[in-house]
Amino acid sequence: MYTIGIFSKICNVPVKTLRYYDDIDLLKPSYIDDETNYRYYDYDKIESVKIIMLFKGLNIPLAEIKNIIASAEQIKWNSILDEKIS
């Protein structure tokens, strides 16, 4: 697991952004230490960040990105990507 600081460097995303994504339930940490409240992220979360950044790069609002990820329907993702690219 990575600390939020290391994870932010790996993903090239500011720590503040990762905290915000946690606050809005877009990207939850893999583990939060009960005593320190430090956030930790697994390697698998890197892929989630890449997907968020891809959709964000297509000017899709974060609320819509959250819905897309929550639905987890690959067909829906493809149709949204095709629509946004067009």
PDB file of N, CA and C in Angstrom:
ATOM      1  N   MET A   1       0.835  -1.183   0.000  1.00  0.00           N
ATOM      2  CA  MET A   1       0.000   0.000   0.000  1.00  0.00           C
ATOM      3  C   MET A   1       0.879   1.245   0.000  1.00  0.00           C
ATOM      4  N   TYR A   2       0.322   2.276  -0.584  1.00  0.00           N
ATOM      5  CA  TYR A   2       1.036   3.547  -0.695  1.00  0.00           C
ATOM      6  C   TYR A   2       0.381   4.598   0.198  1.00  0.00           C
ATOM      7  N   THR A   3       1.212   5.459   0.784  1.00  0.00           N
ATOM      8  CA  THR A   3       0.661   6.607   1.488  1.00  0.00           C
ATOM      9  C   THR A   3       0.051   7.542   0.461  1.00  0.00           C
ATOM     10  N   ILE A   4      -0.776   8.459   0.909  1.00  0.00           N
ATOM     11  CA  ILE A   4      -1.425   9.371  -0.030  1.00  0.00           C
ATOM     12  C   ILE A   4      -0.382  10.211  -0.776  1.00  0.00           C
ATOM     13  N   GLY A   5       0.714  10.578  -0.103  1.00  0.00           N
ATOM     14  CA  GLY A   5       1.752  11.376  -0.753  1.00  0.00           C
ATOM     15  C   GLY A   5       2.452  10.624  -1.875  1.00  0.00           C
ATOM     16  N   ILE A   6       2.824   9.387  -1.609  1.00  0.00           N
ATOM     17  CA  ILE A   6       3.478   8.555  -2.630  1.00  0.00           C
ATOM     18  C   ILE A   6       2.499   8.271  -3.761  1.00  0.00           C
ATOM     19  N   PHE A   7       1.264   7.934  -3.400  1.00  0.00           N
ATOM     20  CA  PHE A   7       0.247   7.632  -4.406  1.00  0.00           C
ATOM     21  C   PHE A   7      -0.007   8.839  -5.307  1.00  0.00           C
ATOM     22  N   SER A   8      -0.028  10.031  -4.734  1.00  0.00           N
ATOM     23  CA  SER A   8      -0.246  11.236  -5.543  1.00  0.00           C
ATOM     24  C   SER A   8       0.890  11.443  -6.543  1.00  0.00           C
ATOM     25  N   LYS A   9       2.099  11.137  -6.139  1.00  0.00           N
ATOM     26  CA  LYS A   9       3.242  11.267  -7.048  1.00  0.00           C
ATOM     27  C   LYS A   9       3.176  10.231  -8.164  1.00  0.00           C
ATOM     28  N   ILE A  10       2.825   9.005  -7.803  1.00  0.00           N
ATOM     29  CA  ILE A  10       2.716   7.936  -8.805  1.00  0.00           C
ATOM     30  C   ILE A  10       1.677   8.310  -9.860  1.00  0.00           C
ATOM     31  N   CYS A  11       0.549   8.841  -9.402  1.00  0.00           N
ATOM     32  CA  CYS A  11      -0.572   9.152 -10.303  1.00  0.00           C
ATOM     33  C   CYS A  11      -0.514  10.560 -10.879  1.00  0.00           C
ATOM     34  N   ASN A  12       0.445  11.368 -10.405  1.00  0.00           N
ATOM     35  CA  ASN A  12       0.563  12.753 -10.841  1.00  0.00           C
ATOM     36  C   ASN A  12      -0.730  13.535 -10.580  1.00  0.00           C
ATOM     37  N   VAL A  13      -1.279  13.328  -9.389  1.00  0.00           N
ATOM     38  CA  VAL A  13      -2.506  13.986  -8.953  1.00  0.00           C
ATOM     39  C   VAL A  13      -2.218  14.593  -7.582  1.00  0.00           C
ATOM     40  N   PRO A  14      -2.568  15.860  -7.367  1.00  0.00           N
ATOM     41  CA  PRO A  14      -2.293  16.473  -6.059  1.00  0.00           C
ATOM     42  C   PRO A  14      -2.991  15.749  -4.904  1.00  0.00           C
ATOM     43  N   VAL A  15      -2.343  15.766  -3.747  1.00  0.00           N
ATOM     44  CA  VAL A  15      -2.921  15.163  -2.545  1.00  0.00           C
ATOM     45  C   VAL A  15      -4.287  15.776  -2.256  1.00  0.00           C
ATOM     46  N   LYS A  16      -4.385  17.080  -2.432  1.00  0.00           N
ATOM     47  CA  LYS A  16      -5.650  17.789  -2.183  1.00  0.00           C
ATOM     48  C   LYS A  16      -6.775  17.214  -3.052  1.00  0.00           C
ATOM     49  N   THR A  17      -6.455  16.878  -4.274  1.00  0.00           N
ATOM     50  CA  THR A  17      -7.445  16.296  -5.191  1.00  0.00           C
ATOM     51  C   THR A  17      -7.867  14.917  -4.702  1.00  0.00           C
ATOM     52  N   LEU A  18      -6.921  14.101  -4.264  1.00  0.00           N
ATOM     53  CA  LEU A  18      -7.256  12.769  -3.749  1.00  0.00           C
ATOM     54  C   LEU A  18      -8.148  12.869  -2.519  1.00  0.00           C
ATOM     55  N   ARG A  19      -7.869  13.835  -1.653  1.00  0.00           N
ATOM     56  CA  ARG A  19      -8.717  14.023  -0.471  1.00  0.00           C
ATOM     57  C   ARG A  19     -10.128  14.449  -0.891  1.00  0.00           C
ATOM     58  N   TYR A  20     -10.191  15.317  -1.883  1.00  0.00           N
ATOM     59  CA  TYR A  20     -11.500  15.758  -2.380  1.00  0.00           C
ATOM     60  C   TYR A  20     -12.275  14.583  -2.985  1.00  0.00           C
ATOM     61  N   TYR A  21     -11.603  13.770  -3.777  1.00  0.00           N
ATOM     62  CA  TYR A  21     -12.252  12.595  -4.368  1.00  0.00           C
ATOM     63  C   TYR A  21     -12.771  11.646  -3.290  1.00  0.00           C
ATOM     64  N   ASP A  22     -12.036  11.548  -2.191  1.00  0.00           N
ATOM     65  CA  ASP A  22     -12.505  10.737  -1.062  1.00  0.00           C
ATOM     66  C   ASP A  22     -13.756  11.384  -0.448  1.00  0.00           C
ATOM     67  N   ASP A  23     -13.719  12.683  -0.253  1.00  0.00           N
ATOM     68  CA  ASP A  23     -14.852  13.402   0.354  1.00  0.00           C
ATOM     69  C   ASP A  23     -16.137  13.249  -0.458  1.00  0.00           C
ATOM     70  N   ILE A  24     -16.004  13.228  -1.783  1.00  0.00           N
ATOM     71  CA  ILE A  24     -17.215  13.120  -2.624  1.00  0.00           C
ATOM     72  C   ILE A  24     -17.508  11.667  -3.020  1.00  0.00           C
ATOM     73  N   ASP A  25     -16.773  10.744  -2.420  1.00  0.00           N
ATOM     74  CA  ASP A  25     -16.961   9.299  -2.667  1.00  0.00           C
ATOM     75  C   ASP A  25     -16.683   8.883  -4.103  1.00  0.00           C
ATOM     76  N   LEU A  26     -15.789   9.592  -4.756  1.00  0.00           N
ATOM     77  CA  LEU A  26     -15.402   9.223  -6.111  1.00  0.00           C
ATOM     78  C   LEU A  26     -14.285   8.179  -6.089  1.00  0.00           C
ATOM     79  N   LEU A  27     -13.318   8.373  -5.201  1.00  0.00           N
ATOM     80  CA  LEU A  27     -12.193   7.436  -5.070  1.00  0.00           C
ATOM     81  C   LEU A  27     -11.873   7.295  -3.587  1.00  0.00           C
ATOM     82  N   LYS A  28     -12.272   6.185  -3.030  1.00  0.00           N
ATOM     83  CA  LYS A  28     -12.037   5.935  -1.614  1.00  0.00           C
ATOM     84  C   LYS A  28     -10.675   5.278  -1.425  1.00  0.00           C
ATOM     85  N   PRO A  29      -9.963   5.635  -0.368  1.00  0.00           N
ATOM     86  CA  PRO A  29      -8.700   4.950  -0.073  1.00  0.00           C
ATOM     87  C   PRO A  29      -8.946   3.477   0.233  1.00  0.00           C
ATOM     88  N   SER A  30      -7.932   2.678   0.057  1.00  0.00           N
ATOM     89  CA  SER A  30      -8.044   1.253   0.364  1.00  0.00           C
ATOM     90  C   SER A  30      -8.111   1.028   1.870  1.00  0.00           C
ATOM     91  N   TYR A  31      -7.449   1.903   2.603  1.00  0.00           N
ATOM     92  CA  TYR A  31      -7.408   1.768   4.051  1.00  0.00           C
ATOM     93  C   TYR A  31      -7.207   3.146   4.666  1.00  0.00           C
ATOM     94  N   ILE A  32      -7.894   3.391   5.775  1.00  0.00           N
ATOM     95  CA  ILE A  32      -7.689   4.613   6.556  1.00  0.00           C
ATOM     96  C   ILE A  32      -7.333   4.185   7.974  1.00  0.00           C
ATOM     97  N   ASP A  33      -6.183   4.633   8.454  1.00  0.00           N
ATOM     98  CA  ASP A  33      -5.743   4.301   9.799  1.00  0.00           C
ATOM     99  C   ASP A  33      -6.671   4.975  10.806  1.00  0.00           C
ATOM    100  N   ASP A  34      -7.231   4.192  11.723  1.00  0.00           N
ATOM    101  CA  ASP A  34      -8.185   4.717  12.700  1.00  0.00           C
ATOM    102  C   ASP A  34      -7.569   5.751  13.642  1.00  0.00           C
ATOM    103  N   GLU A  35      -6.306   5.577  13.979  1.00  0.00           N
ATOM    104  CA  GLU A  35      -5.663   6.486  14.929  1.00  0.00           C
ATOM    105  C   GLU A  35      -5.181   7.774  14.281  1.00  0.00           C
ATOM    106  N   THR A  36      -4.597   7.668  13.101  1.00  0.00           N
ATOM    107  CA  THR A  36      -3.996   8.839  12.457  1.00  0.00           C
ATOM    108  C   THR A  36      -4.864   9.448  11.365  1.00  0.00           C
ATOM    109  N   ASN A  37      -5.852   8.698  10.899  1.00  0.00           N
ATOM    110  CA  ASN A  37      -6.685   9.095   9.760  1.00  0.00           C
ATOM    111  C   ASN A  37      -5.886   9.221   8.463  1.00  0.00           C
ATOM    112  N   TYR A  38      -4.696   8.635   8.414  1.00  0.00           N
ATOM    113  CA  TYR A  38      -3.907   8.627   7.182  1.00  0.00           C
ATOM    114  C   TYR A  38      -4.593   7.717   6.169  1.00  0.00           C
ATOM    115  N   ARG A  39      -4.559   8.156   4.924  1.00  0.00           N
ATOM    116  CA  ARG A  39      -5.149   7.374   3.840  1.00  0.00           C
ATOM    117  C   ARG A  39      -4.056   6.566   3.149  1.00  0.00           C
ATOM    118  N   TYR A  40      -4.391   5.332   2.783  1.00  0.00           N
ATOM    119  CA  TYR A  40      -3.475   4.449   2.066  1.00  0.00           C
ATOM    120  C   TYR A  40      -4.193   3.880   0.852  1.00  0.00           C
ATOM    121  N   TYR A  41      -3.461   3.727  -0.227  1.00  0.00           N
ATOM    122  CA  TYR A  41      -4.032   3.274  -1.490  1.00  0.00           C
ATOM    123  C   TYR A  41      -3.296   2.045  -1.994  1.00  0.00           C
ATOM    124  N   ASP A  42      -4.058   1.068  -2.503  1.00  0.00           N
ATOM    125  CA  ASP A  42      -3.494  -0.117  -3.133  1.00  0.00           C
ATOM    126  C   ASP A  42      -3.079   0.202  -4.563  1.00  0.00           C
ATOM    127  N   TYR A  43      -2.267  -0.671  -5.107  1.00  0.00           N
ATOM    128  CA  TYR A  43      -1.831  -0.554  -6.498  1.00  0.00           C
ATOM    129  C   TYR A  43      -3.030  -0.512  -7.449  1.00  0.00           C
ATOM    130  N   ASP A  44      -4.086  -1.271  -7.141  1.00  0.00           N
ATOM    131  CA  ASP A  44      -5.275  -1.333  -8.007  1.00  0.00           C
ATOM    132  C   ASP A  44      -5.953   0.023  -8.182  1.00  0.00           C
ATOM    133  N   LYS A  45      -5.791   0.913  -7.225  1.00  0.00           N
ATOM    134  CA  LYS A  45      -6.435   2.234  -7.299  1.00  0.00           C
ATOM    135  C   LYS A  45      -5.813   3.114  -8.388  1.00  0.00           C
ATOM    136  N   ILE A  46      -4.618   2.770  -8.816  1.00  0.00           N
ATOM    137  CA  ILE A  46      -3.966   3.551  -9.880  1.00  0.00           C
ATOM    138  C   ILE A  46      -4.825   3.509 -11.146  1.00  0.00           C
ATOM    139  N   GLU A  47      -5.350   2.336 -11.450  1.00  0.00           N
ATOM    140  CA  GLU A  47      -6.214   2.188 -12.633  1.00  0.00           C
ATOM    141  C   GLU A  47      -7.472   3.054 -12.507  1.00  0.00           C
ATOM    142  N   SER A  48      -8.020   3.127 -11.306  1.00  0.00           N
ATOM    143  CA  SER A  48      -9.203   3.963 -11.075  1.00  0.00           C
ATOM    144  C   SER A  48      -8.886   5.432 -11.324  1.00  0.00           C
ATOM    145  N   VAL A  49      -7.722   5.868 -10.878  1.00  0.00           N
ATOM    146  CA  VAL A  49      -7.311   7.258 -11.101  1.00  0.00           C
ATOM    147  C   VAL A  49      -7.154   7.523 -12.596  1.00  0.00           C
ATOM    148  N   LYS A  50      -6.570   6.573 -13.317  1.00  0.00           N
ATOM    149  CA  LYS A  50      -6.408   6.733 -14.767  1.00  0.00           C
ATOM    150  C   LYS A  50      -7.765   6.900 -15.449  1.00  0.00           C
ATOM    151  N   ILE A  51      -8.743   6.114 -15.026  1.00  0.00           N
ATOM    152  CA  ILE A  51     -10.089   6.209 -15.614  1.00  0.00           C
ATOM    153  C   ILE A  51     -10.704   7.564 -15.298  1.00  0.00           C
ATOM    154  N   ILE A  52     -10.568   7.997 -14.047  1.00  0.00           N
ATOM    155  CA  ILE A  52     -11.112   9.307 -13.654  1.00  0.00           C
ATOM    156  C   ILE A  52     -10.461  10.407 -14.481  1.00  0.00           C
ATOM    157  N   MET A  53      -9.150  10.345 -14.634  1.00  0.00           N
ATOM    158  CA  MET A  53      -8.438  11.385 -15.395  1.00  0.00           C
ATOM    159  C   MET A  53      -8.830  11.353 -16.876  1.00  0.00           C
ATOM    160  N   LEU A  54      -9.073  10.174 -17.413  1.00  0.00           N
ATOM    161  CA  LEU A  54      -9.515  10.057 -18.801  1.00  0.00           C
ATOM    162  C   LEU A  54     -10.858  10.750 -18.990  1.00  0.00           C
ATOM    163  N   PHE A  55     -11.809  10.423 -18.140  1.00  0.00           N
ATOM    164  CA  PHE A  55     -13.133  11.046 -18.236  1.00  0.00           C
ATOM    165  C   PHE A  55     -13.059  12.543 -17.968  1.00  0.00           C
ATOM    166  N   LYS A  56     -12.250  12.928 -17.002  1.00  0.00           N
ATOM    167  CA  LYS A  56     -12.093  14.347 -16.684  1.00  0.00           C
ATOM    168  C   LYS A  56     -11.495  15.099 -17.876  1.00  0.00           C
ATOM    169  N   GLY A  57     -10.560  14.456 -18.570  1.00  0.00           N
ATOM    170  CA  GLY A  57      -9.956  15.041 -19.760  1.00  0.00           C
ATOM    171  C   GLY A  57     -10.946  15.238 -20.894  1.00  0.00           C
ATOM    172  N   LEU A  58     -12.047  14.497 -20.844  1.00  0.00           N
ATOM    173  CA  LEU A  58     -13.115  14.645 -21.838  1.00  0.00           C
ATOM    174  C   LEU A  58     -14.196  15.605 -21.354  1.00  0.00           C
ATOM    175  N   ASN A  59     -13.872  16.356 -20.298  1.00  0.00           N
ATOM    176  CA  ASN A  59     -14.772  17.367 -19.727  1.00  0.00           C
ATOM    177  C   ASN A  59     -16.073  16.788 -19.194  1.00  0.00           C
ATOM    178  N   ILE A  60     -16.015  15.572 -18.690  1.00  0.00           N
ATOM    179  CA  ILE A  60     -17.174  14.962 -18.047  1.00  0.00           C
ATOM    180  C   ILE A  60     -17.160  15.412 -16.587  1.00  0.00           C
ATOM    181  N   PRO A  61     -18.269  15.939 -16.085  1.00  0.00           N
ATOM    182  CA  PRO A  61     -18.311  16.397 -14.685  1.00  0.00           C
ATOM    183  C   PRO A  61     -18.060  15.257 -13.696  1.00  0.00           C
ATOM    184  N   LEU A  62     -17.500  15.596 -12.549  1.00  0.00           N
ATOM    185  CA  LEU A  62     -17.159  14.583 -11.556  1.00  0.00           C
ATOM    186  C   LEU A  62     -18.377  13.794 -11.092  1.00  0.00           C
ATOM    187  N   ALA A  63     -19.520  14.442 -10.969  1.00  0.00           N
ATOM    188  CA  ALA A  63     -20.737  13.734 -10.556  1.00  0.00           C
ATOM    189  C   ALA A  63     -21.104  12.658 -11.570  1.00  0.00           C
ATOM    190  N   GLU A  64     -20.942  12.983 -12.859  1.00  0.00           N
ATOM    191  CA  GLU A  64     -21.238  12.008 -13.905  1.00  0.00           C
ATOM    192  C   GLU A  64     -20.198  10.888 -13.911  1.00  0.00           C
ATOM    193  N   ILE A  65     -18.932  11.246 -13.675  1.00  0.00           N
ATOM    194  CA  ILE A  65     -17.868  10.233 -13.595  1.00  0.00           C
ATOM    195  C   ILE A  65     -18.178   9.261 -12.462  1.00  0.00           C
ATOM    196  N   LYS A  66     -18.608   9.797 -11.344  1.00  0.00           N
ATOM    197  CA  LYS A  66     -18.964   8.963 -10.192  1.00  0.00           C
ATOM    198  C   LYS A  66     -20.068   7.976 -10.563  1.00  0.00           C
ATOM    199  N   ASN A  67     -21.076   8.448 -11.290  1.00  0.00           N
ATOM    200  CA  ASN A  67     -22.176   7.574 -11.712  1.00  0.00           C
ATOM    201  C   ASN A  67     -21.700   6.506 -12.696  1.00  0.00           C
ATOM    202  N   ILE A  68     -20.834   6.897 -13.599  1.00  0.00           N
ATOM    203  CA  ILE A  68     -20.313   5.956 -14.588  1.00  0.00           C
ATOM    204  C   ILE A  68     -19.526   4.845 -13.893  1.00  0.00           C
ATOM    205  N   ILE A  69     -18.640   5.241 -12.981  1.00  0.00           N
ATOM    206  CA  ILE A  69     -17.823   4.258 -12.278  1.00  0.00           C
ATOM    207  C   ILE A  69     -18.692   3.368 -11.394  1.00  0.00           C
ATOM    208  N   ALA A  70     -19.680   3.956 -10.764  1.00  0.00           N
ATOM    209  CA  ALA A  70     -20.577   3.178  -9.896  1.00  0.00           C
ATOM    210  C   ALA A  70     -21.376   2.152 -10.695  1.00  0.00           C
ATOM    211  N   SER A  71     -21.749   2.512 -11.925  1.00  0.00           N
ATOM    212  CA  SER A  71     -22.534   1.589 -12.739  1.00  0.00           C
ATOM    213  C   SER A  71     -21.684   0.407 -13.198  1.00  0.00           C
ATOM    214  N   ALA A  72     -20.389   0.676 -13.396  1.00  0.00           N
ATOM    215  CA  ALA A  72     -19.421  -0.351 -13.795  1.00  0.00           C
ATOM    216  C   ALA A  72     -19.858  -1.147 -15.020  1.00  0.00           C
ATOM    217  N   GLU A  73     -20.593  -0.521 -15.903  1.00  0.00           N
ATOM    218  CA  GLU A  73     -21.003  -1.180 -17.135  1.00  0.00           C
ATOM    219  C   GLU A  73     -20.063  -0.734 -18.255  1.00  0.00           C
ATOM    220  N   GLN A  74     -19.230  -1.637 -18.686  1.00  0.00           N
ATOM    221  CA  GLN A  74     -18.244  -1.316 -19.705  1.00  0.00           C
ATOM    222  C   GLN A  74     -18.896  -0.812 -20.989  1.00  0.00           C
ATOM    223  N   ILE A  75     -20.038  -1.359 -21.353  1.00  0.00           N
ATOM    224  CA  ILE A  75     -20.729  -0.920 -22.564  1.00  0.00           C
ATOM    225  C   ILE A  75     -21.130   0.540 -22.435  1.00  0.00           C
ATOM    226  N   LYS A  76     -21.609   0.912 -21.260  1.00  0.00           N
ATOM    227  CA  LYS A  76     -22.002   2.297 -21.019  1.00  0.00           C
ATOM    228  C   LYS A  76     -20.786   3.208 -21.126  1.00  0.00           C
ATOM    229  N   TRP A  77     -19.656   2.795 -20.574  1.00  0.00           N
ATOM    230  CA  TRP A  77     -18.449   3.595 -20.654  1.00  0.00           C
ATOM    231  C   TRP A  77     -18.064   3.831 -22.103  1.00  0.00           C
ATOM    232  N   ASN A  78     -18.110   2.753 -22.895  1.00  0.00           N
ATOM    233  CA  ASN A  78     -17.731   2.884 -24.301  1.00  0.00           C
ATOM    234  C   ASN A  78     -18.646   3.844 -25.044  1.00  0.00           C
ATOM    235  N   SER A  79     -19.942   3.778 -24.781  1.00  0.00           N
ATOM    236  CA  SER A  79     -20.869   4.667 -25.476  1.00  0.00           C
ATOM    237  C   SER A  79     -20.659   6.119 -25.034  1.00  0.00           C
ATOM    238  N   ILE A  80     -20.364   6.334 -23.750  1.00  0.00           N
ATOM    239  CA  ILE A  80     -20.106   7.685 -23.280  1.00  0.00           C
ATOM    240  C   ILE A  80     -18.819   8.215 -23.886  1.00  0.00           C
ATOM    241  N   LEU A  81     -17.791   7.383 -23.928  1.00  0.00           N
ATOM    242  CA  LEU A  81     -16.534   7.805 -24.538  1.00  0.00           C
ATOM    243  C   LEU A  81     -16.717   8.132 -26.025  1.00  0.00           C
ATOM    244  N   ASP A  82     -17.452   7.288 -26.752  1.00  0.00           N
ATOM    245  CA  ASP A  82     -17.705   7.554 -28.173  1.00  0.00           C
ATOM    246  C   ASP A  82     -18.437   8.871 -28.356  1.00  0.00           C
ATOM    247  N   GLU A  83     -19.427   9.113 -27.496  1.00  0.00           N
ATOM    248  CA  GLU A  83     -20.205  10.351 -27.587  1.00  0.00           C
ATOM    249  C   GLU A  83     -19.343  11.578 -27.296  1.00  0.00           C
ATOM    250  N   LYS A  84     -18.520  11.510 -26.263  1.00  0.00           N
ATOM    251  CA  LYS A  84     -17.681  12.652 -25.879  1.00  0.00           C
ATOM    252  C   LYS A  84     -16.597  12.901 -26.916  1.00  0.00           C
ATOM    253  N   ILE A  85     -16.051  11.838 -27.501  1.00  0.00           N
ATOM    254  CA  ILE A  85     -15.007  12.007 -28.516  1.00  0.00           C
ATOM    255  C   ILE A  85     -15.578  12.613 -29.776  1.00  0.00           C
ATOM    256  N   SER A  86     -16.812  12.274 -30.094  1.00  0.00           N
ATOM    257  CA  SER A  86     -17.464  12.838 -31.276  1.00  0.00           C
ATOM    258  C   SER A  86     -17.742  14.293 -31.039  1.00  0.00           C
TER     259      SER A  86
END
